[in-house]
C-alpha cells in the first residue's frame, strides 16, 4: 500500500493506528530503521515528493511481526 498526503482527520486516524500497533508490541520501522509512531507520523506530514509504501511483515504462521514504511519517490 502506498501512502499519499493525508488530511488532518486521516492523520489522526493514522496516528491512532500506529499507536495501536506499538501498544500491541508490533515493531514499527521507517526506511529500514526501528521507529516510533511519532517519527513515522512526522515523516508522513513532512513528505513533499515522497510517498510511503507500507509492508506488513509476517512470520511463517502468518502473525504480524513488524510494520515497515519505506519511502518511494513520487513520479
N, C-alpha and C. Protein backbone atom coordinates (compact mmCIF):
# COMPACT_ATOMS: atom_id res chain seq x y z
N UNK A 1 0.85 -1.17 0.00
CA UNK A 1 0.00 0.00 0.00
C UNK A 1 0.89 1.23 0.00
N UNK A 2 0.63 2.17 -0.88
CA UNK A 2 1.39 3.41 -0.94
C UNK A 2 0.59 4.51 -0.24
N UNK A 3 1.25 5.22 0.66
CA UNK A 3 0.61 6.26 1.45
C UNK A 3 0.81 7.61 0.78
N UNK A 4 -0.27 8.35 0.55
CA UNK A 4 -0.21 9.70 -0.01
C UNK A 4 -0.42 10.72 1.11
N UNK A 5 -0.26 12.00 0.78
CA UNK A 5 -0.54 13.06 1.75
C UNK A 5 -1.95 12.91 2.29
N UNK A 6 -2.14 13.18 3.59
CA UNK A 6 -3.42 12.96 4.24
C UNK A 6 -3.94 14.24 4.88
N UNK A 7 -5.26 14.28 5.04
CA UNK A 7 -5.89 15.38 5.76
C UNK A 7 -5.63 15.22 7.25
N UNK A 8 -5.95 16.24 8.03
CA UNK A 8 -5.76 16.18 9.48
C UNK A 8 -6.54 15.02 10.09
N UNK A 9 -7.76 14.83 9.66
CA UNK A 9 -8.59 13.74 10.18
C UNK A 9 -7.96 12.38 9.85
N UNK A 10 -7.47 12.24 8.64
CA UNK A 10 -6.83 10.99 8.25
C UNK A 10 -5.54 10.77 9.05
N UNK A 11 -4.79 11.86 9.29
CA UNK A 11 -3.55 11.75 10.06
C UNK A 11 -3.85 11.35 11.50
N UNK A 12 -4.94 11.86 12.06
CA UNK A 12 -5.32 11.48 13.43
C UNK A 12 -5.62 9.99 13.49
N UNK A 13 -6.35 9.48 12.51
CA UNK A 13 -6.65 8.04 12.46
C UNK A 13 -5.37 7.23 12.25
N UNK A 14 -4.50 7.74 11.39
CA UNK A 14 -3.24 7.08 11.11
C UNK A 14 -2.40 6.98 12.39
N UNK A 15 -2.32 8.07 13.14
CA UNK A 15 -1.55 8.07 14.39
C UNK A 15 -2.14 7.09 15.40
N UNK A 16 -3.47 7.05 15.50
CA UNK A 16 -4.11 6.09 16.41
C UNK A 16 -3.79 4.66 15.99
N UNK A 17 -3.77 4.41 14.69
CA UNK A 17 -3.43 3.08 14.19
C UNK A 17 -1.99 2.73 14.57
N UNK A 18 -1.07 3.65 14.36
CA UNK A 18 0.33 3.42 14.72
C UNK A 18 0.48 3.18 16.22
N UNK A 19 -0.21 3.97 17.01
CA UNK A 19 -0.17 3.80 18.47
C UNK A 19 -0.70 2.43 18.87
N UNK A 20 -1.75 1.97 18.20
CA UNK A 20 -2.30 0.65 18.48
C UNK A 20 -1.27 -0.44 18.22
N UNK A 21 -0.65 -0.40 17.03
CA UNK A 21 0.36 -1.41 16.72
C UNK A 21 1.49 -1.39 17.74
N UNK A 22 1.95 -0.21 18.10
CA UNK A 22 3.03 -0.09 19.09
C UNK A 22 2.59 -0.66 20.44
N UNK A 23 1.35 -0.38 20.85
CA UNK A 23 0.86 -0.89 22.14
C UNK A 23 0.71 -2.41 22.13
N UNK A 24 0.54 -2.99 20.96
CA UNK A 24 0.44 -4.44 20.82
C UNK A 24 1.82 -5.10 20.70
N UNK A 25 2.87 -4.30 20.77
CA UNK A 25 4.23 -4.82 20.71
C UNK A 25 4.73 -5.09 19.31
N UNK A 26 4.04 -4.56 18.30
CA UNK A 26 4.46 -4.72 16.91
C UNK A 26 5.52 -3.67 16.62
N UNK A 27 6.75 -4.07 16.29
CA UNK A 27 7.78 -3.08 15.98
C UNK A 27 7.44 -2.29 14.70
N UNK A 28 7.69 -1.01 14.74
CA UNK A 28 7.47 -0.13 13.61
C UNK A 28 8.83 0.28 13.06
N UNK A 29 8.94 0.24 11.74
CA UNK A 29 10.20 0.60 11.08
C UNK A 29 9.92 1.68 10.04
N UNK A 30 10.89 2.58 9.88
CA UNK A 30 10.81 3.64 8.89
C UNK A 30 12.12 3.64 8.11
N UNK A 31 12.03 3.40 6.82
CA UNK A 31 13.21 3.37 5.95
C UNK A 31 14.34 2.50 6.49
N UNK A 32 13.97 1.29 6.92
CA UNK A 32 14.96 0.31 7.35
C UNK A 32 15.48 0.45 8.76
N UNK A 33 14.89 1.36 9.55
CA UNK A 33 15.35 1.58 10.92
C UNK A 33 14.17 1.49 11.88
N UNK A 34 14.40 0.95 13.09
CA UNK A 34 13.33 0.97 14.09
C UNK A 34 12.85 2.40 14.32
N UNK A 35 11.55 2.55 14.53
CA UNK A 35 10.99 3.88 14.63
C UNK A 35 9.85 3.91 15.65
N UNK A 36 9.27 5.09 15.80
CA UNK A 36 8.14 5.28 16.73
C UNK A 36 6.95 5.84 15.96
N UNK A 37 5.75 5.73 16.54
CA UNK A 37 4.60 6.34 15.87
C UNK A 37 4.81 7.83 15.58
N UNK A 38 5.41 8.55 16.53
CA UNK A 38 5.64 9.98 16.35
C UNK A 38 6.56 10.26 15.16
N UNK A 39 7.65 9.49 15.04
CA UNK A 39 8.59 9.69 13.93
C UNK A 39 7.95 9.37 12.58
N UNK A 40 7.17 8.31 12.55
CA UNK A 40 6.52 7.93 11.29
C UNK A 40 5.46 8.96 10.90
N UNK A 41 4.69 9.42 11.86
CA UNK A 41 3.69 10.45 11.59
C UNK A 41 4.37 11.72 11.06
N UNK A 42 5.46 12.13 11.69
CA UNK A 42 6.18 13.33 11.25
C UNK A 42 6.71 13.17 9.83
N UNK A 43 7.26 12.00 9.52
CA UNK A 43 7.78 11.76 8.17
C UNK A 43 6.67 11.88 7.13
N UNK A 44 5.49 11.38 7.46
CA UNK A 44 4.36 11.48 6.53
C UNK A 44 3.90 12.94 6.36
N UNK A 45 3.90 13.69 7.46
CA UNK A 45 3.49 15.09 7.39
C UNK A 45 4.49 15.93 6.60
N UNK A 46 5.78 15.63 6.75
CA UNK A 46 6.82 16.42 6.12
C UNK A 46 7.11 16.03 4.67
N UNK A 47 6.59 14.88 4.25
CA UNK A 47 6.88 14.37 2.90
C UNK A 47 6.38 15.35 1.84
N UNK A 48 7.25 15.66 0.88
CA UNK A 48 6.86 16.53 -0.22
C UNK A 48 6.81 15.76 -1.52
N UNK A 49 7.94 15.23 -1.95
CA UNK A 49 7.97 14.49 -3.22
C UNK A 49 8.19 12.99 -2.97
N UNK A 50 7.75 12.54 -1.79
CA UNK A 50 7.92 11.15 -1.39
C UNK A 50 6.59 10.62 -0.86
N UNK A 51 6.30 9.37 -1.17
CA UNK A 51 5.20 8.68 -0.53
C UNK A 51 5.79 7.48 0.21
N UNK A 52 5.00 6.85 1.04
CA UNK A 52 5.49 5.73 1.83
C UNK A 52 4.71 4.47 1.50
N UNK A 53 5.47 3.40 1.24
CA UNK A 53 4.88 2.11 1.00
C UNK A 53 4.87 1.34 2.32
N UNK A 54 3.72 0.80 2.65
CA UNK A 54 3.55 0.06 3.89
C UNK A 54 3.75 -1.43 3.60
N UNK A 55 4.50 -2.09 4.47
CA UNK A 55 4.74 -3.53 4.31
C UNK A 55 4.47 -4.22 5.64
N UNK A 56 3.55 -5.19 5.59
CA UNK A 56 3.23 -5.98 6.77
C UNK A 56 4.12 -7.23 6.74
N UNK A 57 5.07 -7.34 7.65
CA UNK A 57 5.98 -8.47 7.70
C UNK A 57 5.38 -9.51 8.65
N UNK A 58 5.23 -10.73 8.14
CA UNK A 58 4.61 -11.80 8.92
C UNK A 58 5.58 -12.96 9.10
N UNK A 59 5.36 -13.74 10.18
CA UNK A 59 6.16 -14.94 10.38
C UNK A 59 5.55 -16.10 9.61
N UNK A 60 6.13 -17.28 9.74
CA UNK A 60 5.65 -18.44 8.97
C UNK A 60 4.24 -18.87 9.37
N UNK A 61 3.77 -18.42 10.52
CA UNK A 61 2.40 -18.73 10.95
C UNK A 61 1.40 -17.67 10.50
N UNK A 62 1.89 -16.62 9.88
CA UNK A 62 1.02 -15.55 9.41
C UNK A 62 0.81 -14.43 10.42
N UNK A 63 1.46 -14.50 11.57
CA UNK A 63 1.33 -13.44 12.57
C UNK A 63 2.17 -12.23 12.17
N UNK A 64 1.61 -11.06 12.39
CA UNK A 64 2.32 -9.82 12.11
C UNK A 64 3.49 -9.68 13.06
N UNK A 65 4.69 -9.51 12.51
CA UNK A 65 5.89 -9.38 13.35
C UNK A 65 6.51 -8.00 13.27
N UNK A 66 6.17 -7.25 12.22
CA UNK A 66 6.76 -5.91 12.04
C UNK A 66 5.94 -5.16 10.99
N UNK A 67 5.83 -3.86 11.17
CA UNK A 67 5.19 -2.99 10.20
C UNK A 67 6.23 -2.00 9.71
N UNK A 68 6.49 -2.03 8.39
CA UNK A 68 7.54 -1.19 7.81
C UNK A 68 6.94 -0.13 6.90
N UNK A 69 7.55 1.04 6.90
CA UNK A 69 7.21 2.12 5.99
C UNK A 69 8.49 2.50 5.27
N UNK A 70 8.47 2.38 3.95
CA UNK A 70 9.63 2.73 3.14
C UNK A 70 9.27 3.83 2.15
N UNK A 71 10.13 4.85 2.07
CA UNK A 71 9.85 5.95 1.16
C UNK A 71 10.11 5.52 -0.28
N UNK A 72 9.26 6.01 -1.15
CA UNK A 72 9.41 5.81 -2.59
C UNK A 72 9.20 7.16 -3.26
N UNK A 73 9.98 7.44 -4.28
CA UNK A 73 9.88 8.72 -4.99
C UNK A 73 8.57 8.81 -5.75
N UNK A 74 7.92 9.96 -5.67
CA UNK A 74 6.76 10.24 -6.50
C UNK A 74 7.24 10.47 -7.92
N UNK A 75 6.45 10.04 -8.84
CA UNK A 75 6.80 10.23 -10.26
C UNK A 75 6.05 11.43 -10.80
